[in-house]
């Protein structure tokens, strides 16, 4: 069998979820294992494993291939043909994760349309606000908003996602209107706990270009945007709110935007995050394209 040596390596990596342990089992170097796996992926034009420094996991294509490696050569060839067909025709499982409020407001129609357009793709979608490890938890695509940590993952920017510091008129009557970000330190805040920096805010003065970072004084911390919006309207605290969720309340006067002479940084954007840029599955690429069209 043309790929037998590489298949033997793939089996051991799959069993042990580690290149080093597979190398030890096979009696070869870790570099040799990595080279064999990469060569197999290059020949099949598929990513079979997602890698981090801590764990190695099979991709959907890798799982399909691994399940047949103990069968006949004819069956393996059939599975390879089926998987590689997916390079042009979207099929297989697609696991997606996105923030709850964002997903419910902006992705429901995208997902429904995608499912109708590509019925051979089995969608597995989670909307939640917890931090996840894309590779360890087996996601093909994760939607994230804001500044991204350097994780070794691939991040494709989809669109801007501006946000404002907002407060209710009643809150301003009680505490006064801040003229400088440092004034916010003495005021109660409402904070999103799953932010990369939930208890600080950074600003740039539009006129002097001075950078100012403050520590907030949270009276309410939550992972629920609906609660953040309602609590801000009720005057419980000021809050950093995405424009798309607060602009209607700003128009009606229920919310005011603060600190017009300052901009928040880093600017927020929507990103599609996925494990590997090599041989990006068509099912993932088409879903990213669908989100981009919808949000633009």
C-alpha atoms as a PDB file:
ATOM      1  CA  UNK A   1       0.000   0.000   0.000  1.00  0.00           C
ATOM      2  CA  UNK A   2       1.499   3.346  -1.065  1.00  0.00           C
ATOM      3  CA  UNK A   3       0.796   5.134   2.210  1.00  0.00           C
ATOM      4  CA  UNK A   4       1.320   2.194   4.594  1.00  0.00           C
ATOM      5  CA  UNK A   5       4.285   3.638   6.529  1.00  0.00           C
ATOM      6  CA  UNK A   6       2.486   6.942   6.956  1.00  0.00           C
ATOM      7  CA  UNK A   7      -0.701   5.138   7.972  1.00  0.00           C
ATOM      8  CA  UNK A   8       1.200   3.222  10.644  1.00  0.00           C
ATOM      9  CA  UNK A   9       2.483   6.520  12.006  1.00  0.00           C
ATOM     10  CA  UNK A  10      -0.996   8.049  11.853  1.00  0.00           C
ATOM     11  CA  UNK A  11      -2.446   5.136  13.837  1.00  0.00           C
ATOM     12  CA  UNK A  12       0.078   5.570  16.641  1.00  0.00           C
ATOM     13  CA  UNK A  13      -0.339   9.360  16.789  1.00  0.00           C
ATOM     14  CA  UNK A  14      -4.110   8.891  16.904  1.00  0.00           C
ATOM     15  CA  UNK A  15      -3.875   6.319  19.691  1.00  0.00           C
ATOM     16  CA  UNK A  16      -1.525   8.337  21.874  1.00  0.00           C
ATOM     17  CA  UNK A  17      -2.644  11.879  20.867  1.00  0.00           C
ATOM     18  CA  UNK A  18       1.033  12.745  20.871  1.00  0.00           C
ATOM     19  CA  UNK A  19       3.802  12.828  18.280  1.00  0.00           C
ATOM     20  CA  UNK A  20       6.416  12.139  20.952  1.00  0.00           C
ATOM     21  CA  UNK A  21       4.627   9.079  22.355  1.00  0.00           C
ATOM     22  CA  UNK A  22       4.021   7.753  18.842  1.00  0.00           C
ATOM     23  CA  UNK A  23       7.714   8.189  18.071  1.00  0.00           C
ATOM     24  CA  UNK A  24       8.641   6.267  21.216  1.00  0.00           C
ATOM     25  CA  UNK A  25       6.249   3.446  20.290  1.00  0.00           C
ATOM     26  CA  UNK A  26       7.566   3.243  16.727  1.00  0.00           C
ATOM     27  CA  UNK A  27      11.221   3.580  17.716  1.00  0.00           C
ATOM     28  CA  UNK A  28      11.836   6.624  15.547  1.00  0.00           C
ATOM     29  CA  UNK A  29      12.394  10.324  16.230  1.00  0.00           C
ATOM     30  CA  UNK A  30       9.644  12.840  16.852  1.00  0.00           C
ATOM     31  CA  UNK A  31      10.865  14.758  13.801  1.00  0.00           C
ATOM     32  CA  UNK A  32      10.416  11.648  11.663  1.00  0.00           C
ATOM     33  CA  UNK A  33       6.840  11.217  12.920  1.00  0.00           C
ATOM     34  CA  UNK A  34       6.049  14.844  12.168  1.00  0.00           C
ATOM     35  CA  UNK A  35       7.602  14.524   8.704  1.00  0.00           C
ATOM     36  CA  UNK A  36       5.584  11.382   7.895  1.00  0.00           C
ATOM     37  CA  UNK A  37       2.306  12.987   9.006  1.00  0.00           C
ATOM     38  CA  UNK A  38       2.980  16.180   7.052  1.00  0.00           C
ATOM     39  CA  UNK A  39       3.903  14.176   3.956  1.00  0.00           C
ATOM     40  CA  UNK A  40       0.640  12.224   4.205  1.00  0.00           C
ATOM     41  CA  UNK A  41      -1.352  15.419   4.657  1.00  0.00           C
ATOM     42  CA  UNK A  42       0.391  17.007   1.686  1.00  0.00           C
ATOM     43  CA  UNK A  43      -0.319  13.992  -0.542  1.00  0.00           C
ATOM     44  CA  UNK A  44      -3.992  13.884   0.459  1.00  0.00           C
ATOM     45  CA  UNK A  45      -4.306  17.699   0.497  1.00  0.00           C
ATOM     46  CA  UNK A  46      -5.978  17.390   3.922  1.00  0.00           C
ATOM     47  CA  UNK A  47      -5.223  18.380   7.487  1.00  0.00           C
ATOM     48  CA  UNK A  48      -5.510  15.159   9.506  1.00  0.00           C
ATOM     49  CA  UNK A  49      -4.393  16.454  12.915  1.00  0.00           C
ATOM     50  CA  UNK A  50      -4.769  19.728  14.770  1.00  0.00           C
ATOM     51  CA  UNK A  51      -1.746  20.364  16.949  1.00  0.00           C
ATOM     52  CA  UNK A  52      -0.978  22.391  20.047  1.00  0.00           C
ATOM     53  CA  UNK A  53       1.982  22.171  22.391  1.00  0.00           C
ATOM     54  CA  UNK A  54      -0.255  20.206  24.778  1.00  0.00           C
ATOM     55  CA  UNK A  55      -2.410  17.966  22.641  1.00  0.00           C
ATOM     56  CA  UNK A  56      -2.906  16.493  19.175  1.00  0.00           C
ATOM     57  CA  UNK A  57      -6.452  15.810  17.959  1.00  0.00           C
ATOM     58  CA  UNK A  58      -7.885  14.307  14.784  1.00  0.00           C
ATOM     59  CA  UNK A  59      -9.770  16.542  12.390  1.00  0.00           C
ATOM     60  CA  UNK A  60     -13.081  15.358  10.930  1.00  0.00           C
ATOM     61  CA  UNK A  61     -11.208  14.095   7.852  1.00  0.00           C
ATOM     62  CA  UNK A  62      -8.620  12.463  10.103  1.00  0.00           C
ATOM     63  CA  UNK A  63     -11.305  10.658  12.100  1.00  0.00           C
ATOM     64  CA  UNK A  64     -12.939   9.308   8.938  1.00  0.00           C
ATOM     65  CA  UNK A  65      -9.615   8.005   7.658  1.00  0.00           C
ATOM     66  CA  UNK A  66      -8.452   6.595  11.003  1.00  0.00           C
ATOM     67  CA  UNK A  67     -11.641   4.558  11.403  1.00  0.00           C
ATOM     68  CA  UNK A  68     -10.850   2.644   8.191  1.00  0.00           C
ATOM     69  CA  UNK A  69      -7.109   2.073   8.538  1.00  0.00           C
ATOM     70  CA  UNK A  70      -7.522  -1.475   9.859  1.00  0.00           C
ATOM     71  CA  UNK A  71      -9.751  -2.439   6.934  1.00  0.00           C
ATOM     72  CA  UNK A  72      -8.975  -3.500   3.385  1.00  0.00           C
ATOM     73  CA  UNK A  73      -7.009  -1.385   0.932  1.00  0.00           C
ATOM     74  CA  UNK A  74     -10.146  -1.041  -1.190  1.00  0.00           C
ATOM     75  CA  UNK A  75     -12.127   0.398   1.742  1.00  0.00           C
ATOM     76  CA  UNK A  76      -9.330   2.817   2.624  1.00  0.00           C
ATOM     77  CA  UNK A  77      -9.147   3.982  -0.983  1.00  0.00           C
ATOM     78  CA  UNK A  78     -12.912   4.528  -0.994  1.00  0.00           C
ATOM     79  CA  UNK A  79     -12.770   6.649   2.156  1.00  0.00           C
ATOM     80  CA  UNK A  80      -9.882   8.717   0.785  1.00  0.00           C
ATOM     81  CA  UNK A  81     -11.899   9.397  -2.369  1.00  0.00           C
ATOM     82  CA  UNK A  82     -14.898  10.381  -0.258  1.00  0.00           C
ATOM     83  CA  UNK A  83     -12.858  12.707   1.954  1.00  0.00           C
ATOM     84  CA  UNK A  84     -10.982  14.354  -0.919  1.00  0.00           C
ATOM     85  CA  UNK A  85     -14.279  14.904  -2.711  1.00  0.00           C
ATOM     86  CA  UNK A  86     -15.055  17.177   0.241  1.00  0.00           C
ATOM     87  CA  UNK A  87     -12.305  19.504  -0.968  1.00  0.00           C
ATOM     88  CA  UNK A  88     -14.685  20.611  -3.725  1.00  0.00           C
ATOM     89  CA  UNK A  89     -18.078  19.635  -2.316  1.00  0.00           C
ATOM     90  CA  UNK A  90     -18.794  20.544   1.331  1.00  0.00           C
ATOM     91  CA  UNK A  91     -19.573  17.509   3.458  1.00  0.00           C
ATOM     92  CA  UNK A  92     -18.876  15.950   6.837  1.00  0.00           C
ATOM     93  CA  UNK A  93     -19.250  17.486  10.283  1.00  0.00           C
ATOM     94  CA  UNK A  94     -18.782  21.200  10.968  1.00  0.00           C
ATOM     95  CA  UNK A  95     -18.490  22.252  14.627  1.00  0.00           C
ATOM     96  CA  UNK A  96     -18.993  25.970  15.289  1.00  0.00           C
ATOM     97  CA  UNK A  97     -18.831  28.072  18.446  1.00  0.00           C
ATOM     98  CA  UNK A  98     -19.871  31.725  18.826  1.00  0.00           C
ATOM     99  CA  UNK A  99     -20.784  34.147  21.634  1.00  0.00           C
ATOM    100  CA  UNK A 100     -24.378  33.696  22.800  1.00  0.00           C
ATOM    101  CA  UNK A 101     -25.899  37.130  22.143  1.00  0.00           C
ATOM    102  CA  UNK A 102     -23.952  37.639  18.912  1.00  0.00           C
ATOM    103  CA  UNK A 103     -24.820  34.184  17.603  1.00  0.00           C
ATOM    104  CA  UNK A 104     -28.519  34.475  18.386  1.00  0.00           C
ATOM    105  CA  UNK A 105     -28.767  37.907  16.757  1.00  0.00           C
ATOM    106  CA  UNK A 106     -26.500  37.541  13.729  1.00  0.00           C
ATOM    107  CA  UNK A 107     -25.793  33.887  12.951  1.00  0.00           C
ATOM    108  CA  UNK A 108     -29.150  32.116  13.167  1.00  0.00           C
ATOM    109  CA  UNK A 109     -30.177  33.029   9.613  1.00  0.00           C
ATOM    110  CA  UNK A 110     -26.665  32.389   8.281  1.00  0.00           C
ATOM    111  CA  UNK A 111     -26.646  28.900   9.780  1.00  0.00           C
ATOM    112  CA  UNK A 112     -30.154  28.057   8.564  1.00  0.00           C
ATOM    113  CA  UNK A 113     -29.349  29.211   5.013  1.00  0.00           C
ATOM    114  CA  UNK A 114     -26.026  27.375   5.016  1.00  0.00           C
ATOM    115  CA  UNK A 115     -27.719  24.163   6.128  1.00  0.00           C
ATOM    116  CA  UNK A 116     -30.221  24.431   3.280  1.00  0.00           C
ATOM    117  CA  UNK A 117     -27.518  25.196   0.717  1.00  0.00           C
ATOM    118  CA  UNK A 118     -25.170  22.395   1.829  1.00  0.00           C
ATOM    119  CA  UNK A 119     -27.266  19.480   3.106  1.00  0.00           C
ATOM    120  CA  UNK A 120     -24.283  17.095   3.169  1.00  0.00           C
ATOM    121  CA  UNK A 121     -22.724  19.103   6.023  1.00  0.00           C
ATOM    122  CA  UNK A 122     -23.769  18.062   9.524  1.00  0.00           C
ATOM    123  CA  UNK A 123     -23.727  21.201  11.656  1.00  0.00           C
ATOM    124  CA  UNK A 124     -22.949  21.132  15.377  1.00  0.00           C
ATOM    125  CA  UNK A 125     -23.381  24.658  16.773  1.00  0.00           C
ATOM    126  CA  UNK A 126     -22.769  26.012  20.274  1.00  0.00           C
ATOM    127  CA  UNK A 127     -23.630  29.546  21.344  1.00  0.00           C
ATOM    128  CA  UNK A 128     -22.026  30.370  24.683  1.00  0.00           C
ATOM    129  CA  UNK A 129     -19.678  32.888  26.279  1.00  0.00           C
ATOM    130  CA  UNK A 130     -17.161  30.614  27.933  1.00  0.00           C
ATOM    131  CA  UNK A 131     -13.515  30.486  27.000  1.00  0.00           C
ATOM    132  CA  UNK A 132     -12.810  27.420  24.887  1.00  0.00           C
ATOM    133  CA  UNK A 133      -9.757  25.706  23.488  1.00  0.00           C
ATOM    134  CA  UNK A 134     -10.534  25.392  19.794  1.00  0.00           C
ATOM    135  CA  UNK A 135      -8.357  22.341  19.201  1.00  0.00           C
ATOM    136  CA  UNK A 136      -8.825  20.466  22.461  1.00  0.00           C
ATOM    137  CA  UNK A 137     -12.603  20.827  22.268  1.00  0.00           C
ATOM    138  CA  UNK A 138     -12.725  19.862  18.603  1.00  0.00           C
ATOM    139  CA  UNK A 139     -14.166  22.962  16.934  1.00  0.00           C
ATOM    140  CA  UNK A 140     -13.630  23.621  13.241  1.00  0.00           C
ATOM    141  CA  UNK A 141     -14.513  27.311  13.518  1.00  0.00           C
ATOM    142  CA  UNK A 142     -14.978  29.778  16.353  1.00  0.00           C
ATOM    143  CA  UNK A 143     -16.329  33.319  16.091  1.00  0.00           C
ATOM    144  CA  UNK A 144     -14.676  35.761  18.474  1.00  0.00           C
ATOM    145  CA  UNK A 145     -14.980  39.503  19.085  1.00  0.00           C
ATOM    146  CA  UNK A 146     -12.345  41.952  20.284  1.00  0.00           C
ATOM    147  CA  UNK A 147      -8.603  41.677  20.747  1.00  0.00           C
ATOM    148  CA  UNK A 148      -7.360  38.123  20.248  1.00  0.00           C
ATOM    149  CA  UNK A 149      -4.588  36.491  22.241  1.00  0.00           C
ATOM    150  CA  UNK A 150      -1.657  35.057  20.327  1.00  0.00           C
ATOM    151  CA  UNK A 151      -2.749  31.420  20.358  1.00  0.00           C
ATOM    152  CA  UNK A 152      -1.107  30.022  17.231  1.00  0.00           C
ATOM    153  CA  UNK A 153      -4.545  29.732  15.642  1.00  0.00           C
ATOM    154  CA  UNK A 154      -5.549  31.369  12.378  1.00  0.00           C
ATOM    155  CA  UNK A 155      -7.805  34.428  12.713  1.00  0.00           C
ATOM    156  CA  UNK A 156      -9.575  35.977   9.733  1.00  0.00           C
ATOM    157  CA  UNK A 157     -11.072  39.413  10.348  1.00  0.00           C
ATOM    158  CA  UNK A 158     -14.717  39.560   9.282  1.00  0.00           C
ATOM    159  CA  UNK A 159     -15.802  43.135  10.080  1.00  0.00           C
ATOM    160  CA  UNK A 160     -15.571  46.000  12.571  1.00  0.00           C
ATOM    161  CA  UNK A 161     -17.507  45.706  15.822  1.00  0.00           C
ATOM    162  CA  UNK A 162     -17.513  49.190  17.426  1.00  0.00           C
ATOM    163  CA  UNK A 163     -18.505  49.711  21.048  1.00  0.00           C
ATOM    164  CA  UNK A 164     -19.303  52.695  23.278  1.00  0.00           C
ATOM    165  CA  UNK A 165     -19.089  53.580  26.942  1.00  0.00           C
ATOM    166  CA  UNK A 166     -22.755  54.100  27.807  1.00  0.00           C
ATOM    167  CA  UNK A 167     -24.795  55.228  30.808  1.00  0.00           C
ATOM    168  CA  UNK A 168     -28.390  56.231  31.475  1.00  0.00           C
ATOM    169  CA  UNK A 169     -29.466  59.865  31.967  1.00  0.00           C
ATOM    170  CA  UNK A 170     -30.339  58.980  35.557  1.00  0.00           C
ATOM    171  CA  UNK A 171     -26.834  57.660  36.155  1.00  0.00           C
ATOM    172  CA  UNK A 172     -25.325  60.894  34.799  1.00  0.00           C
ATOM    173  CA  UNK A 173     -27.636  62.978  36.995  1.00  0.00           C
ATOM    174  CA  UNK A 174     -26.421  61.039  40.028  1.00  0.00           C
ATOM    175  CA  UNK A 175     -22.687  60.818  39.319  1.00  0.00           C
ATOM    176  CA  UNK A 176     -22.085  63.639  36.840  1.00  0.00           C
ATOM    177  CA  UNK A 177     -20.777  63.327  33.292  1.00  0.00           C
ATOM    178  CA  UNK A 178     -17.137  62.232  33.064  1.00  0.00           C
ATOM    179  CA  UNK A 179     -14.803  64.458  31.077  1.00  0.00           C
ATOM    180  CA  UNK A 180     -11.809  62.142  31.371  1.00  0.00           C
ATOM    181  CA  UNK A 181     -11.576  58.328  31.579  1.00  0.00           C
ATOM    182  CA  UNK A 182     -10.050  58.699  35.050  1.00  0.00           C
ATOM    183  CA  UNK A 183     -13.405  60.059  36.249  1.00  0.00           C
ATOM    184  CA  UNK A 184     -14.864  56.583  35.644  1.00  0.00           C
ATOM    185  CA  UNK A 185     -12.682  55.079  38.367  1.00  0.00           C
ATOM    186  CA  UNK A 186     -14.983  56.521  41.045  1.00  0.00           C
ATOM    187  CA  UNK A 187     -18.174  55.385  39.285  1.00  0.00           C
ATOM    188  CA  UNK A 188     -19.764  51.902  39.439  1.00  0.00           C
ATOM    189  CA  UNK A 189     -19.330  49.834  36.297  1.00  0.00           C
ATOM    190  CA  UNK A 190     -21.022  46.862  34.670  1.00  0.00           C
ATOM    191  CA  UNK A 191     -18.458  44.427  33.310  1.00  0.00           C
ATOM    192  CA  UNK A 192     -18.429  41.544  30.851  1.00  0.00           C
ATOM    193  CA  UNK A 193     -16.568  38.798  32.679  1.00  0.00           C
ATOM    194  CA  UNK A 194     -15.410  36.854  29.605  1.00  0.00           C
ATOM    195  CA  UNK A 195     -13.480  39.756  28.132  1.00  0.00           C
ATOM    196  CA  UNK A 196      -9.716  39.282  27.771  1.00  0.00           C
ATOM    197  CA  UNK A 197      -9.346  42.202  30.235  1.00  0.00           C
ATOM    198  CA  UNK A 198     -12.702  42.395  32.077  1.00  0.00           C
ATOM    199  CA  UNK A 199     -11.706  44.931  34.722  1.00  0.00           C
ATOM    200  CA  UNK A 200      -9.800  47.535  32.745  1.00  0.00           C
ATOM    201  CA  UNK A 201     -10.508  49.947  29.905  1.00  0.00           C
ATOM    202  CA  UNK A 202      -8.033  51.659  27.581  1.00  0.00           C
ATOM    203  CA  UNK A 203      -8.595  54.964  25.806  1.00  0.00           C
ATOM    204  CA  UNK A 204      -6.802  57.302  23.436  1.00  0.00           C
ATOM    205  CA  UNK A 205      -7.346  61.063  23.582  1.00  0.00           C
ATOM    206  CA  UNK A 206      -8.437  62.190  20.099  1.00  0.00           C
ATOM    207  CA  UNK A 207      -6.652  65.526  20.497  1.00  0.00           C
ATOM    208  CA  UNK A 208      -3.452  64.763  22.386  1.00  0.00           C
ATOM    209  CA  UNK A 209      -3.169  61.072  21.337  1.00  0.00           C
ATOM    210  CA  UNK A 210      -2.445  60.284  25.004  1.00  0.00           C
ATOM    211  CA  UNK A 211      -3.131  56.690  26.070  1.00  0.00           C
ATOM    212  CA  UNK A 212      -5.046  56.167  29.314  1.00  0.00           C
ATOM    213  CA  UNK A 213      -5.836  52.817  30.941  1.00  0.00           C
ATOM    214  CA  UNK A 214      -8.069  52.625  34.005  1.00  0.00           C
ATOM    215  CA  UNK A 215      -9.176  49.926  36.401  1.00  0.00           C
ATOM    216  CA  UNK A 216     -12.951  49.817  36.686  1.00  0.00           C
ATOM    217  CA  UNK A 217     -15.072  49.615  39.834  1.00  0.00           C
ATOM    218  CA  UNK A 218     -17.522  46.812  39.019  1.00  0.00           C
ATOM    219  CA  UNK A 219     -20.856  46.677  40.791  1.00  0.00           C
ATOM    220  CA  UNK A 220     -22.096  43.935  38.439  1.00  0.00           C
ATOM    221  CA  UNK A 221     -20.077  41.375  36.487  1.00  0.00           C
ATOM    222  CA  UNK A 222     -21.819  39.003  34.093  1.00  0.00           C
ATOM    223  CA  UNK A 223     -21.437  37.030  30.882  1.00  0.00           C
ATOM    224  CA  UNK A 224     -24.932  37.992  29.671  1.00  0.00           C
ATOM    225  CA  UNK A 225     -25.248  40.950  27.330  1.00  0.00           C
ATOM    226  CA  UNK A 226     -28.992  41.294  27.888  1.00  0.00           C
ATOM    227  CA  UNK A 227     -28.370  41.810  31.615  1.00  0.00           C
ATOM    228  CA  UNK A 228     -25.599  44.315  30.885  1.00  0.00           C
ATOM    229  CA  UNK A 229     -27.899  46.354  28.632  1.00  0.00           C
ATOM    230  CA  UNK A 230     -30.861  46.281  31.041  1.00  0.00           C
ATOM    231  CA  UNK A 231     -28.707  47.170  34.050  1.00  0.00           C
ATOM    232  CA  UNK A 232     -27.153  50.104  32.198  1.00  0.00           C
ATOM    233  CA  UNK A 233     -30.564  51.431  31.200  1.00  0.00           C
ATOM    234  CA  UNK A 234     -31.672  51.135  34.837  1.00  0.00           C
ATOM    235  CA  UNK A 235     -28.749  53.301  35.953  1.00  0.00           C
ATOM    236  CA  UNK A 236     -26.920  50.628  37.942  1.00  0.00           C
ATOM    237  CA  UNK A 237     -23.603  51.454  36.315  1.00  0.00           C
ATOM    238  CA  UNK A 238     -21.880  52.593  33.162  1.00  0.00           C
ATOM    239  CA  UNK A 239     -20.971  49.893  30.641  1.00  0.00           C
ATOM    240  CA  UNK A 240     -18.977  49.144  27.506  1.00  0.00           C
ATOM    241  CA  UNK A 241     -21.643  48.032  25.031  1.00  0.00           C
ATOM    242  CA  UNK A 242     -21.396  46.952  21.369  1.00  0.00           C
ATOM    243  CA  UNK A 243     -22.967  49.489  19.036  1.00  0.00           C
ATOM    244  CA  UNK A 244     -25.274  46.949  17.430  1.00  0.00           C
ATOM    245  CA  UNK A 245     -26.874  46.162  20.791  1.00  0.00           C
ATOM    246  CA  UNK A 246     -27.239  49.700  22.156  1.00  0.00           C
ATOM    247  CA  UNK A 247     -27.750  52.017  19.150  1.00  0.00           C
ATOM    248  CA  UNK A 248     -31.557  51.861  19.356  1.00  0.00           C
ATOM    249  CA  UNK A 249     -31.438  52.846  23.033  1.00  0.00           C
ATOM    250  CA  UNK A 250     -29.083  55.701  22.171  1.00  0.00           C
ATOM    251  CA  UNK A 251     -31.537  56.954  19.537  1.00  0.00           C
ATOM    252  CA  UNK A 252     -34.421  56.937  22.033  1.00  0.00           C
ATOM    253  CA  UNK A 253     -32.337  58.703  24.686  1.00  0.00           C
ATOM    254  CA  UNK A 254     -32.478  55.794  27.136  1.00  0.00           C
ATOM    255  CA  UNK A 255     -28.698  55.616  26.919  1.00  0.00           C
ATOM    256  CA  UNK A 256     -26.035  58.278  26.462  1.00  0.00           C
ATOM    257  CA  UNK A 257     -22.550  57.791  25.062  1.00  0.00           C
ATOM    258  CA  UNK A 258     -19.747  59.103  27.255  1.00  0.00           C
ATOM    259  CA  UNK A 259     -16.298  60.599  26.647  1.00  0.00           C
ATOM    260  CA  UNK A 260     -16.745  61.855  23.055  1.00  0.00           C
ATOM    261  CA  UNK A 261     -13.165  63.161  22.982  1.00  0.00           C
ATOM    262  CA  UNK A 262     -11.728  59.694  23.563  1.00  0.00           C
ATOM    263  CA  UNK A 263     -11.673  56.486  21.558  1.00  0.00           C
ATOM    264  CA  UNK A 264     -11.482  52.981  22.956  1.00  0.00           C
ATOM    265  CA  UNK A 265      -8.576  50.761  21.992  1.00  0.00           C
ATOM    266  CA  UNK A 266      -7.848  48.255  20.784  1.00  0.00           C
ATOM    267  CA  UNK A 267     -10.712  48.621  18.336  1.00  0.00           C
ATOM    268  CA  UNK A 268     -13.017  45.626  18.351  1.00  0.00           C
ATOM    269  CA  UNK A 269     -13.550  43.406  15.330  1.00  0.00           C
ATOM    270  CA  UNK A 270     -15.299  40.123  14.565  1.00  0.00           C
ATOM    271  CA  UNK A 271     -12.926  37.255  13.766  1.00  0.00           C
ATOM    272  CA  UNK A 272     -13.320  33.762  12.386  1.00  0.00           C
ATOM    273  CA  UNK A 273     -10.791  31.579  14.220  1.00  0.00           C
ATOM    274  CA  UNK A 274      -9.727  28.124  13.045  1.00  0.00           C
ATOM    275  CA  UNK A 275      -6.842  25.736  13.661  1.00  0.00           C
ATOM    276  CA  UNK A 276      -4.841  25.536  10.427  1.00  0.00           C
ATOM    277  CA  UNK A 277      -4.590  27.567   7.223  1.00  0.00           C
ATOM    278  CA  UNK A 278      -3.303  24.602   5.179  1.00  0.00           C
ATOM    279  CA  UNK A 279      -5.973  22.938   3.063  1.00  0.00           C
ATOM    280  CA  UNK A 280      -8.823  24.822   4.741  1.00  0.00           C
ATOM    281  CA  UNK A 281     -11.893  22.589   4.236  1.00  0.00           C
ATOM    282  CA  UNK A 282     -14.372  24.018   1.758  1.00  0.00           C
ATOM    283  CA  UNK A 283     -17.162  23.617   4.343  1.00  0.00           C
ATOM    284  CA  UNK A 284     -15.305  26.040   6.654  1.00  0.00           C
ATOM    285  CA  UNK A 285     -14.379  28.492   3.897  1.00  0.00           C
ATOM    286  CA  UNK A 286     -17.969  28.683   2.636  1.00  0.00           C
ATOM    287  CA  UNK A 287     -19.311  29.299   6.134  1.00  0.00           C
ATOM    288  CA  UNK A 288     -16.809  32.121   6.713  1.00  0.00           C
ATOM    289  CA  UNK A 289     -17.778  33.631   3.369  1.00  0.00           C
ATOM    290  CA  UNK A 290     -21.470  33.424   4.334  1.00  0.00           C
ATOM    291  CA  UNK A 291     -20.863  35.251   7.626  1.00  0.00           C
ATOM    292  CA  UNK A 292     -18.811  37.937   5.881  1.00  0.00           C
ATOM    293  CA  UNK A 293     -21.559  38.565   3.307  1.00  0.00           C
ATOM    294  CA  UNK A 294     -24.241  38.715   5.980  1.00  0.00           C
ATOM    295  CA  UNK A 295     -22.388  41.044   8.360  1.00  0.00           C
ATOM    296  CA  UNK A 296     -21.088  43.367   5.662  1.00  0.00           C
END
